Amino acid sequence: MTGPLCGLPHYQYTESLCTEPAGHYRRDTDPHAGPLIIDGRICGGLAWDEPEEQP
């Protein structure tokens, strides 16, 4: 049995969800990752850090 997934959507490709375990994220160490999905089709893989807030 596996635990819950992170599930955070990518900030630009919102169909792409993180498939890493929940609670995994650490900036620059353990980024979000999952399949790149565009228009409902898997187009490759994707890894990303959460964008930094702009003042």
PDB file of N, CA and C in Angstrom:
ATOM      1  N   MET A   1       0.848  -1.186   0.000  1.00  0.00           N
ATOM      2  CA  MET A   1       0.000   0.000   0.000  1.00  0.00           C
ATOM      3  C   MET A   1       0.884   1.237   0.000  1.00  0.00           C
ATOM      4  N   THR A   2       0.521   2.231  -0.785  1.00  0.00           N
ATOM      5  CA  THR A   2       1.276   3.471  -0.838  1.00  0.00           C
ATOM      6  C   THR A   2       0.503   4.587  -0.146  1.00  0.00           C
ATOM      7  N   GLY A   3       1.253   5.599   0.296  1.00  0.00           N
ATOM      8  CA  GLY A   3       0.630   6.734   0.964  1.00  0.00           C
ATOM      9  C   GLY A   3       0.045   7.713  -0.046  1.00  0.00           C
ATOM     10  N   PRO A   4      -0.561   8.790   0.455  1.00  0.00           N
ATOM     11  CA  PRO A   4      -1.158   9.785  -0.439  1.00  0.00           C
ATOM     12  C   PRO A   4      -0.083  10.519  -1.240  1.00  0.00           C
ATOM     13  N   LEU A   5      -0.470  10.998  -2.406  1.00  0.00           N
ATOM     14  CA  LEU A   5       0.430  11.750  -3.267  1.00  0.00           C
ATOM     15  C   LEU A   5       0.315  13.240  -2.978  1.00  0.00           C
ATOM     16  N   CYS A   6       1.343  13.995  -3.344  1.00  0.00           N
ATOM     17  CA  CYS A   6       1.365  15.441  -3.149  1.00  0.00           C
ATOM     18  C   CYS A   6       0.205  16.102  -3.903  1.00  0.00           C
ATOM     19  N   GLY A   7       0.134  15.893  -5.220  1.00  0.00           N
ATOM     20  CA  GLY A   7      -0.989  16.386  -6.014  1.00  0.00           C
ATOM     21  C   GLY A   7      -0.974  17.865  -6.352  1.00  0.00           C
ATOM     22  N   LEU A   8       0.088  18.611  -6.007  1.00  0.00           N
ATOM     23  CA  LEU A   8       0.126  20.034  -6.315  1.00  0.00           C
ATOM     24  C   LEU A   8       0.211  20.241  -7.827  1.00  0.00           C
ATOM     25  N   PRO A   9      -0.653  21.089  -8.403  1.00  0.00           N
ATOM     26  CA  PRO A   9      -0.548  21.342  -9.844  1.00  0.00           C
ATOM     27  C   PRO A   9       0.633  22.254 -10.158  1.00  0.00           C
ATOM     28  N   HIS A  10       1.221  22.070 -11.337  1.00  0.00           N
ATOM     29  CA  HIS A  10       2.284  22.955 -11.811  1.00  0.00           C
ATOM     30  C   HIS A  10       1.677  24.342 -12.010  1.00  0.00           C
ATOM     31  N   TYR A  11       2.442  25.386 -11.737  1.00  0.00           N
ATOM     32  CA  TYR A  11       1.929  26.755 -11.821  1.00  0.00           C
ATOM     33  C   TYR A  11       1.620  27.197 -13.249  1.00  0.00           C
ATOM     34  N   GLN A  12       2.221  26.579 -14.264  1.00  0.00           N
ATOM     35  CA  GLN A  12       1.954  26.947 -15.653  1.00  0.00           C
ATOM     36  C   GLN A  12       1.139  25.874 -16.370  1.00  0.00           C
ATOM     37  N   TYR A  13       1.420  24.608 -16.116  1.00  0.00           N
ATOM     38  CA  TYR A  13       0.713  23.484 -16.746  1.00  0.00           C
ATOM     39  C   TYR A  13      -0.174  22.840 -15.691  1.00  0.00           C
ATOM     40  N   THR A  14      -1.337  23.424 -15.463  1.00  0.00           N
ATOM     41  CA  THR A  14      -2.175  23.030 -14.329  1.00  0.00           C
ATOM     42  C   THR A  14      -2.754  21.621 -14.424  1.00  0.00           C
ATOM     43  N   GLU A  15      -2.715  21.006 -15.594  1.00  0.00           N
ATOM     44  CA  GLU A  15      -3.142  19.605 -15.711  1.00  0.00           C
ATOM     45  C   GLU A  15      -2.084  18.663 -15.148  1.00  0.00           C
ATOM     46  N   SER A  16      -0.856  19.148 -15.033  1.00  0.00           N
ATOM     47  CA  SER A  16       0.262  18.336 -14.538  1.00  0.00           C
ATOM     48  C   SER A  16       0.293  18.400 -13.019  1.00  0.00           C
ATOM     49  N   LEU A  17       0.113  17.257 -12.370  1.00  0.00           N
ATOM     50  CA  LEU A  17       0.077  17.180 -10.920  1.00  0.00           C
ATOM     51  C   LEU A  17       1.306  16.456 -10.394  1.00  0.00           C
ATOM     52  N   CYS A  18       1.781  16.866  -9.228  1.00  0.00           N
ATOM     53  CA  CYS A  18       2.929  16.224  -8.601  1.00  0.00           C
ATOM     54  C   CYS A  18       2.549  14.820  -8.148  1.00  0.00           C
ATOM     55  N   THR A  19       3.366  13.846  -8.521  1.00  0.00           N
ATOM     56  CA  THR A  19       3.115  12.452  -8.158  1.00  0.00           C
ATOM     57  C   THR A  19       4.077  11.956  -7.083  1.00  0.00           C
ATOM     58  N   GLU A  20       4.785  12.885  -6.423  1.00  0.00           N
ATOM     59  CA  GLU A  20       5.657  12.533  -5.305  1.00  0.00           C
ATOM     60  C   GLU A  20       4.803  12.310  -4.046  1.00  0.00           C
ATOM     61  N   PRO A  21       5.347  11.671  -3.018  1.00  0.00           N
ATOM     62  CA  PRO A  21       4.584  11.460  -1.777  1.00  0.00           C
ATOM     63  C   PRO A  21       4.216  12.789  -1.110  1.00  0.00           C
ATOM     64  N   ALA A  22       3.091  12.817  -0.434  1.00  0.00           N
ATOM     65  CA  ALA A  22       2.654  14.016   0.280  1.00  0.00           C
ATOM     66  C   ALA A  22       3.708  14.449   1.293  1.00  0.00           C
ATOM     67  N   GLY A  23       3.947  15.754   1.397  1.00  0.00           N
ATOM     68  CA  GLY A  23       4.886  16.295   2.362  1.00  0.00           C
ATOM     69  C   GLY A  23       6.343  16.226   1.951  1.00  0.00           C
ATOM     70  N   HIS A  24       6.623  15.837   0.714  1.00  0.00           N
ATOM     71  CA  HIS A  24       8.000  15.639   0.261  1.00  0.00           C
ATOM     72  C   HIS A  24       8.745  16.942  -0.009  1.00  0.00           C
ATOM     73  N   TYR A  25       8.064  18.017  -0.371  1.00  0.00           N
ATOM     74  CA  TYR A  25       8.688  19.190  -0.991  1.00  0.00           C
ATOM     75  C   TYR A  25       9.659  19.935  -0.086  1.00  0.00           C
ATOM     76  N   ARG A  26      10.883  20.155  -0.630  1.00  0.00           N
ATOM     77  CA  ARG A  26      11.884  21.036  -0.022  1.00  0.00           C
ATOM     78  C   ARG A  26      12.571  21.762  -1.174  1.00  0.00           C
ATOM     79  N   ARG A  27      12.466  23.081  -1.188  1.00  0.00           N
ATOM     80  CA  ARG A  27      13.019  23.894  -2.279  1.00  0.00           C
ATOM     81  C   ARG A  27      14.476  23.535  -2.552  1.00  0.00           C
ATOM     82  N   ASP A  28      14.820  23.403  -3.829  1.00  0.00           N
ATOM     83  CA  ASP A  28      16.171  23.105  -4.326  1.00  0.00           C
ATOM     84  C   ASP A  28      16.707  21.735  -3.897  1.00  0.00           C
ATOM     85  N   THR A  29      15.958  20.957  -3.139  1.00  0.00           N
ATOM     86  CA  THR A  29      16.416  19.657  -2.677  1.00  0.00           C
ATOM     87  C   THR A  29      15.506  18.539  -3.173  1.00  0.00           C
ATOM     88  N   ASP A  30      14.201  18.715  -3.024  1.00  0.00           N
ATOM     89  CA  ASP A  30      13.219  17.696  -3.402  1.00  0.00           C
ATOM     90  C   ASP A  30      12.050  18.388  -4.110  1.00  0.00           C
ATOM     91  N   PRO A  31      12.210  18.699  -5.419  1.00  0.00           N
ATOM     92  CA  PRO A  31      11.164  19.437  -6.130  1.00  0.00           C
ATOM     93  C   PRO A  31       9.925  18.579  -6.385  1.00  0.00           C
ATOM     94  N   HIS A  32       8.867  19.255  -6.800  1.00  0.00           N
ATOM     95  CA  HIS A  32       7.677  18.545  -7.261  1.00  0.00           C
ATOM     96  C   HIS A  32       8.010  17.898  -8.600  1.00  0.00           C
ATOM     97  N   ALA A  33       7.388  16.774  -8.919  1.00  0.00           N
ATOM     98  CA  ALA A  33       7.650  16.088 -10.182  1.00  0.00           C
ATOM     99  C   ALA A  33       6.448  15.250 -10.584  1.00  0.00           C
ATOM    100  N   GLY A  34       6.286  15.102 -11.885  1.00  0.00           N
ATOM    101  CA  GLY A  34       5.198  14.282 -12.407  1.00  0.00           C
ATOM    102  C   GLY A  34       5.197  14.340 -13.916  1.00  0.00           C
ATOM    103  N   PRO A  35       4.213  13.717 -14.546  1.00  0.00           N
ATOM    104  CA  PRO A  35       4.146  13.757 -16.003  1.00  0.00           C
ATOM    105  C   PRO A  35       3.700  15.142 -16.486  1.00  0.00           C
ATOM    106  N   LEU A  36       4.288  15.600 -17.600  1.00  0.00           N
ATOM    107  CA  LEU A  36       3.855  16.847 -18.227  1.00  0.00           C
ATOM    108  C   LEU A  36       2.624  16.535 -19.065  1.00  0.00           C
ATOM    109  N   ILE A  37       1.504  17.155 -18.722  1.00  0.00           N
ATOM    110  CA  ILE A  37       0.242  16.919 -19.423  1.00  0.00           C
ATOM    111  C   ILE A  37      -0.213  18.229 -20.049  1.00  0.00           C
ATOM    112  N   ILE A  38      -0.385  18.215 -21.369  1.00  0.00           N
ATOM    113  CA  ILE A  38      -0.864  19.378 -22.109  1.00  0.00           C
ATOM    114  C   ILE A  38      -2.056  18.931 -22.941  1.00  0.00           C
ATOM    115  N   ASP A  39      -3.177  19.618 -22.801  1.00  0.00           N
ATOM    116  CA  ASP A  39      -4.411  19.283 -23.523  1.00  0.00           C
ATOM    117  C   ASP A  39      -4.785  17.817 -23.348  1.00  0.00           C
ATOM    118  N   GLY A  40      -4.621  17.308 -22.122  1.00  0.00           N
ATOM    119  CA  GLY A  40      -5.028  15.946 -21.807  1.00  0.00           C
ATOM    120  C   GLY A  40      -4.079  14.862 -22.274  1.00  0.00           C
ATOM    121  N   ARG A  41      -2.945  15.223 -22.859  1.00  0.00           N
ATOM    122  CA  ARG A  41      -1.993  14.227 -23.359  1.00  0.00           C
ATOM    123  C   ARG A  41      -0.686  14.315 -22.588  1.00  0.00           C
ATOM    124  N   ILE A  42      -0.133  13.182 -22.222  1.00  0.00           N
ATOM    125  CA  ILE A  42       1.171  13.149 -21.570  1.00  0.00           C
ATOM    126  C   ILE A  42       2.235  13.440 -22.628  1.00  0.00           C
ATOM    127  N   CYS A  43       3.033  14.481 -22.379  1.00  0.00           N
ATOM    128  CA  CYS A  43       4.028  14.940 -23.356  1.00  0.00           C
ATOM    129  C   CYS A  43       5.451  14.791 -22.836  1.00  0.00           C
ATOM    130  N   GLY A  44       5.647  14.166 -21.708  1.00  0.00           N
ATOM    131  CA  GLY A  44       6.975  14.013 -21.132  1.00  0.00           C
ATOM    132  C   GLY A  44       6.899  14.093 -19.624  1.00  0.00           C
ATOM    133  N   GLY A  45       8.009  14.483 -19.013  1.00  0.00           N
ATOM    134  CA  GLY A  45       8.082  14.607 -17.565  1.00  0.00           C
ATOM    135  C   GLY A  45       8.359  16.047 -17.164  1.00  0.00           C
ATOM    136  N   LEU A  46       8.172  16.347 -15.888  1.00  0.00           N
ATOM    137  CA  LEU A  46       8.281  17.718 -15.412  1.00  0.00           C
ATOM    138  C   LEU A  46       8.706  17.699 -13.950  1.00  0.00           C
ATOM    139  N   ALA A  47       9.642  18.560 -13.588  1.00  0.00           N
ATOM    140  CA  ALA A  47      10.021  18.756 -12.184  1.00  0.00           C
ATOM    141  C   ALA A  47      10.060  20.254 -11.939  1.00  0.00           C
ATOM    142  N   TRP A  48       9.561  20.696 -10.776  1.00  0.00           N
ATOM    143  CA  TRP A  48       9.502  22.133 -10.527  1.00  0.00           C
ATOM    144  C   TRP A  48       9.525  22.467  -9.048  1.00  0.00           C
ATOM    145  N   ASP A  49      10.102  23.642  -8.762  1.00  0.00           N
ATOM    146  CA  ASP A  49       9.998  24.254  -7.445  1.00  0.00           C
ATOM    147  C   ASP A  49       8.822  25.198  -7.471  1.00  0.00           C
ATOM    148  N   GLU A  50       8.260  25.477  -6.312  1.00  0.00           N
ATOM    149  CA  GLU A  50       7.171  26.422  -6.240  1.00  0.00           C
ATOM    150  C   GLU A  50       7.716  27.826  -6.553  1.00  0.00           C
ATOM    151  N   PRO A  51       6.990  28.631  -7.337  1.00  0.00           N
ATOM    152  CA  PRO A  51       7.497  29.960  -7.682  1.00  0.00           C
ATOM    153  C   PRO A  51       7.603  30.841  -6.430  1.00  0.00           C
ATOM    154  N   GLU A  52       8.622  31.700  -6.424  1.00  0.00           N
ATOM    155  CA  GLU A  52       8.769  32.627  -5.312  1.00  0.00           C
ATOM    156  C   GLU A  52       7.791  33.774  -5.480  1.00  0.00           C
ATOM    157  N   GLU A  53       7.258  34.273  -4.373  1.00  0.00           N
ATOM    158  CA  GLU A  53       6.329  35.400  -4.430  1.00  0.00           C
ATOM    159  C   GLU A  53       7.077  36.650  -4.835  1.00  0.00           C
ATOM    160  N   GLN A  54       6.475  37.432  -5.721  1.00  0.00           N
ATOM    161  CA  GLN A  54       7.049  38.690  -6.159  1.00  0.00           C
ATOM    162  C   GLN A  54       6.449  39.825  -5.334  1.00  0.00           C
ATOM    163  N   PRO A  55       7.263  40.777  -4.860  1.00  0.00           N
ATOM    164  CA  PRO A  55       6.722  41.876  -4.040  1.00  0.00           C
ATOM    165  C   PRO A  55       5.828  42.799  -4.817  1.00  0.00           C
TER     166      PRO A  55
END
